[in-house]
N, C-alpha and C. Protein backbone atom coordinates (compact mmCIF):
# COMPACT_ATOMS: atom_id res chain seq x y z
N UNK A 1 -8.56 -32.54 138.04
CA UNK A 1 -9.73 -31.98 137.41
C UNK A 1 -9.27 -31.15 136.20
N UNK A 2 -9.82 -31.46 135.05
CA UNK A 2 -9.48 -30.71 133.84
C UNK A 2 -10.26 -29.41 133.79
N UNK A 3 -9.56 -28.36 133.44
CA UNK A 3 -10.17 -27.04 133.29
C UNK A 3 -9.92 -26.53 131.87
N UNK A 4 -10.60 -25.46 131.53
CA UNK A 4 -10.40 -24.85 130.23
C UNK A 4 -8.96 -24.37 130.07
N UNK A 5 -8.37 -23.84 131.13
CA UNK A 5 -6.97 -23.39 131.08
C UNK A 5 -6.04 -24.54 130.73
N UNK A 6 -6.26 -25.69 131.33
CA UNK A 6 -5.42 -26.86 131.04
C UNK A 6 -5.59 -27.32 129.60
N UNK A 7 -6.82 -27.31 129.11
CA UNK A 7 -7.04 -27.69 127.71
C UNK A 7 -6.38 -26.69 126.76
N UNK A 8 -6.38 -25.43 127.13
CA UNK A 8 -5.73 -24.42 126.28
C UNK A 8 -4.22 -24.64 126.21
N UNK A 9 -3.61 -25.05 127.31
CA UNK A 9 -2.18 -25.38 127.30
C UNK A 9 -1.95 -26.59 126.39
N UNK A 10 -2.77 -27.62 126.55
CA UNK A 10 -2.66 -28.82 125.72
C UNK A 10 -2.77 -28.44 124.24
N UNK A 11 -3.73 -27.60 123.92
CA UNK A 11 -3.94 -27.16 122.53
C UNK A 11 -2.77 -26.31 122.03
N UNK A 12 -2.26 -25.44 122.90
CA UNK A 12 -1.14 -24.57 122.48
C UNK A 12 0.08 -25.40 122.07
N UNK A 13 0.27 -26.53 122.75
CA UNK A 13 1.40 -27.40 122.43
C UNK A 13 0.99 -28.54 121.49
N UNK A 14 -0.21 -28.45 120.95
CA UNK A 14 -0.71 -29.42 119.98
C UNK A 14 -0.57 -30.86 120.50
N UNK A 15 -0.80 -31.03 121.80
CA UNK A 15 -0.75 -32.36 122.40
C UNK A 15 0.65 -32.90 122.62
N UNK A 16 1.68 -32.08 122.41
CA UNK A 16 3.07 -32.53 122.55
C UNK A 16 3.53 -32.39 123.99
N UNK A 17 3.41 -33.46 124.75
CA UNK A 17 3.78 -33.46 126.16
C UNK A 17 5.25 -33.11 126.35
N UNK A 18 6.11 -33.68 125.53
CA UNK A 18 7.54 -33.40 125.67
C UNK A 18 7.85 -31.92 125.40
N UNK A 19 7.20 -31.36 124.39
CA UNK A 19 7.41 -29.94 124.09
C UNK A 19 7.00 -29.06 125.25
N UNK A 20 5.86 -29.39 125.86
CA UNK A 20 5.40 -28.62 127.02
C UNK A 20 6.37 -28.78 128.19
N UNK A 21 6.81 -30.02 128.44
CA UNK A 21 7.70 -30.29 129.57
C UNK A 21 9.03 -29.55 129.40
N UNK A 22 9.54 -29.50 128.18
CA UNK A 22 10.81 -28.80 127.94
C UNK A 22 10.64 -27.28 128.10
N UNK A 23 9.53 -26.76 127.64
CA UNK A 23 9.31 -25.32 127.67
C UNK A 23 8.92 -24.83 129.06
N UNK A 24 8.03 -25.54 129.70
CA UNK A 24 7.48 -25.08 130.98
C UNK A 24 8.13 -25.77 132.17
N UNK A 25 9.10 -26.63 131.92
CA UNK A 25 9.73 -27.40 133.00
C UNK A 25 8.70 -28.15 133.82
N UNK A 26 7.60 -28.53 133.17
CA UNK A 26 6.56 -29.28 133.86
C UNK A 26 5.68 -28.44 134.76
N UNK A 27 5.81 -27.11 134.69
CA UNK A 27 5.00 -26.24 135.54
C UNK A 27 4.54 -25.03 134.75
N UNK A 28 3.33 -24.61 134.99
CA UNK A 28 2.83 -23.35 134.43
C UNK A 28 1.64 -22.90 135.26
N UNK A 29 1.12 -21.74 134.93
CA UNK A 29 0.05 -21.14 135.73
C UNK A 29 -1.24 -21.95 135.72
N UNK A 30 -1.45 -22.79 134.70
CA UNK A 30 -2.69 -23.56 134.63
C UNK A 30 -2.72 -24.69 135.65
N UNK A 31 -1.54 -25.10 136.11
CA UNK A 31 -1.47 -26.22 137.05
C UNK A 31 -1.55 -27.58 136.38
N UNK A 32 -1.46 -27.63 135.04
CA UNK A 32 -1.55 -28.91 134.34
C UNK A 32 -0.38 -29.81 134.73
N UNK A 33 -0.68 -31.09 134.85
CA UNK A 33 0.33 -32.08 135.21
C UNK A 33 0.42 -33.13 134.10
N UNK A 34 1.42 -33.99 134.21
CA UNK A 34 1.53 -35.11 133.27
C UNK A 34 0.27 -35.96 133.32
N UNK A 35 -0.27 -36.17 134.52
CA UNK A 35 -1.49 -36.98 134.65
C UNK A 35 -2.66 -36.32 133.93
N UNK A 36 -2.77 -35.00 134.03
CA UNK A 36 -3.82 -34.29 133.29
C UNK A 36 -3.64 -34.49 131.79
N UNK A 37 -2.40 -34.40 131.34
CA UNK A 37 -2.09 -34.54 129.92
C UNK A 37 -2.53 -35.91 129.42
N UNK A 38 -2.20 -36.95 130.20
CA UNK A 38 -2.59 -38.31 129.82
C UNK A 38 -4.10 -38.49 129.88
N UNK A 39 -4.75 -37.85 130.84
CA UNK A 39 -6.21 -37.92 130.92
C UNK A 39 -6.84 -37.31 129.68
N UNK A 40 -6.34 -36.17 129.25
CA UNK A 40 -6.86 -35.55 128.03
C UNK A 40 -6.72 -36.51 126.85
N UNK A 41 -5.57 -37.13 126.73
CA UNK A 41 -5.35 -38.07 125.63
C UNK A 41 -6.29 -39.27 125.72
N UNK A 42 -6.49 -39.80 126.92
CA UNK A 42 -7.41 -40.93 127.11
C UNK A 42 -8.84 -40.54 126.73
N UNK A 43 -9.26 -39.37 127.18
CA UNK A 43 -10.62 -38.91 126.87
C UNK A 43 -10.80 -38.65 125.38
N UNK A 44 -9.79 -38.09 124.74
CA UNK A 44 -9.86 -37.86 123.29
C UNK A 44 -9.96 -39.18 122.53
N UNK A 45 -9.20 -40.18 122.97
CA UNK A 45 -9.25 -41.49 122.31
C UNK A 45 -10.65 -42.08 122.45
N UNK A 46 -11.23 -41.97 123.63
CA UNK A 46 -12.58 -42.49 123.84
C UNK A 46 -13.59 -41.74 122.97
N UNK A 47 -13.44 -40.43 122.87
CA UNK A 47 -14.33 -39.65 122.01
C UNK A 47 -14.23 -40.10 120.55
N UNK A 48 -13.02 -40.40 120.10
CA UNK A 48 -12.83 -40.88 118.73
C UNK A 48 -13.51 -42.23 118.52
N UNK A 49 -13.40 -43.13 119.49
CA UNK A 49 -14.06 -44.43 119.39
C UNK A 49 -15.57 -44.27 119.30
N UNK A 50 -16.10 -43.41 120.14
CA UNK A 50 -17.54 -43.17 120.16
C UNK A 50 -17.99 -42.55 118.83
N UNK A 51 -17.25 -41.55 118.36
CA UNK A 51 -17.61 -40.87 117.11
C UNK A 51 -17.55 -41.82 115.91
N UNK A 52 -16.65 -42.80 115.97
CA UNK A 52 -16.51 -43.76 114.87
C UNK A 52 -17.53 -44.89 114.96
N UNK A 53 -18.36 -44.86 116.00
CA UNK A 53 -19.37 -45.91 116.17
C UNK A 53 -18.80 -47.23 116.63
N UNK A 54 -17.61 -47.21 117.22
CA UNK A 54 -16.94 -48.43 117.65
C UNK A 54 -17.07 -48.70 119.15
N UNK A 55 -17.90 -47.93 119.82
CA UNK A 55 -18.06 -48.08 121.27
C UNK A 55 -19.45 -48.61 121.59
N UNK A 56 -19.50 -49.47 122.58
CA UNK A 56 -20.79 -50.00 123.03
C UNK A 56 -21.54 -48.93 123.81
N UNK A 57 -22.82 -49.18 124.04
CA UNK A 57 -23.62 -48.26 124.85
C UNK A 57 -23.10 -48.19 126.27
N UNK A 58 -22.64 -49.32 126.79
CA UNK A 58 -22.10 -49.36 128.16
C UNK A 58 -20.83 -48.51 128.23
N UNK A 59 -19.95 -48.67 127.25
CA UNK A 59 -18.72 -47.87 127.20
C UNK A 59 -19.05 -46.38 127.12
N UNK A 60 -19.98 -46.03 126.26
CA UNK A 60 -20.36 -44.63 126.07
C UNK A 60 -20.93 -44.04 127.36
N UNK A 61 -21.80 -44.78 128.03
CA UNK A 61 -22.37 -44.30 129.29
C UNK A 61 -21.29 -44.14 130.36
N UNK A 62 -20.38 -45.10 130.42
CA UNK A 62 -19.28 -45.04 131.38
C UNK A 62 -18.38 -43.84 131.08
N UNK A 63 -18.12 -43.62 129.80
CA UNK A 63 -17.30 -42.49 129.39
C UNK A 63 -17.95 -41.16 129.79
N UNK A 64 -19.24 -41.02 129.53
CA UNK A 64 -19.93 -39.76 129.86
C UNK A 64 -19.85 -39.48 131.36
N UNK A 65 -19.97 -40.52 132.16
CA UNK A 65 -19.85 -40.36 133.61
C UNK A 65 -18.43 -39.92 133.98
N UNK A 66 -17.43 -40.58 133.38
CA UNK A 66 -16.03 -40.22 133.65
C UNK A 66 -15.76 -38.79 133.20
N UNK A 67 -16.30 -38.40 132.06
CA UNK A 67 -16.10 -37.05 131.55
C UNK A 67 -16.64 -36.02 132.54
N UNK A 68 -17.84 -36.26 133.06
CA UNK A 68 -18.43 -35.34 134.05
C UNK A 68 -17.59 -35.29 135.32
N UNK A 69 -17.06 -36.44 135.72
CA UNK A 69 -16.29 -36.51 136.97
C UNK A 69 -14.91 -35.88 136.88
N UNK A 70 -14.37 -35.76 135.67
CA UNK A 70 -12.98 -35.31 135.53
C UNK A 70 -12.83 -33.92 134.91
N UNK A 71 -13.95 -33.27 134.62
CA UNK A 71 -13.89 -31.93 134.04
C UNK A 71 -14.61 -30.94 134.94
N UNK A 72 -14.14 -29.70 134.89
CA UNK A 72 -14.65 -28.68 135.81
C UNK A 72 -16.07 -28.23 135.50
N UNK A 73 -16.41 -28.18 134.20
CA UNK A 73 -17.72 -27.64 133.84
C UNK A 73 -18.06 -28.00 132.40
N UNK A 74 -19.26 -27.59 131.98
CA UNK A 74 -19.72 -27.91 130.63
C UNK A 74 -18.86 -27.23 129.56
N UNK A 75 -18.37 -26.04 129.84
CA UNK A 75 -17.51 -25.34 128.88
C UNK A 75 -16.25 -26.16 128.61
N UNK A 76 -15.68 -26.73 129.65
CA UNK A 76 -14.49 -27.57 129.49
C UNK A 76 -14.83 -28.82 128.69
N UNK A 77 -15.97 -29.43 128.97
CA UNK A 77 -16.38 -30.63 128.23
C UNK A 77 -16.57 -30.31 126.75
N UNK A 78 -17.19 -29.19 126.45
CA UNK A 78 -17.38 -28.80 125.05
C UNK A 78 -16.05 -28.54 124.36
N UNK A 79 -15.12 -27.90 125.06
CA UNK A 79 -13.80 -27.64 124.47
C UNK A 79 -13.06 -28.95 124.21
N UNK A 80 -13.19 -29.90 125.12
CA UNK A 80 -12.54 -31.20 124.92
C UNK A 80 -13.13 -31.91 123.71
N UNK A 81 -14.44 -31.86 123.58
CA UNK A 81 -15.09 -32.50 122.43
C UNK A 81 -14.66 -31.84 121.12
N UNK A 82 -14.33 -30.55 121.17
CA UNK A 82 -13.94 -29.81 119.96
C UNK A 82 -12.49 -30.07 119.55
N UNK A 83 -11.67 -30.60 120.46
CA UNK A 83 -10.28 -30.90 120.10
C UNK A 83 -10.26 -32.02 119.07
N UNK A 84 -9.58 -31.82 118.00
CA UNK A 84 -9.47 -32.87 116.96
C UNK A 84 -8.08 -32.95 116.47
């Protein structure tokens, strides 16, 4: 489950998984994991496709459902949408 704390770690390292892994040894107080990191990247890619108008309505609906299922709350979803 993605939380605002996990997104803040991702943002602090500017999406650099290797940098985070070297610095935090793969562990920190947020509880972020490699899987969380990859999920953030997957969700960001989907958001970019949708924003560019390259996603079908079915894809967009499926994405919105996945976004709700994988994030802790609306604040986290808004923060994810704001990552660019």
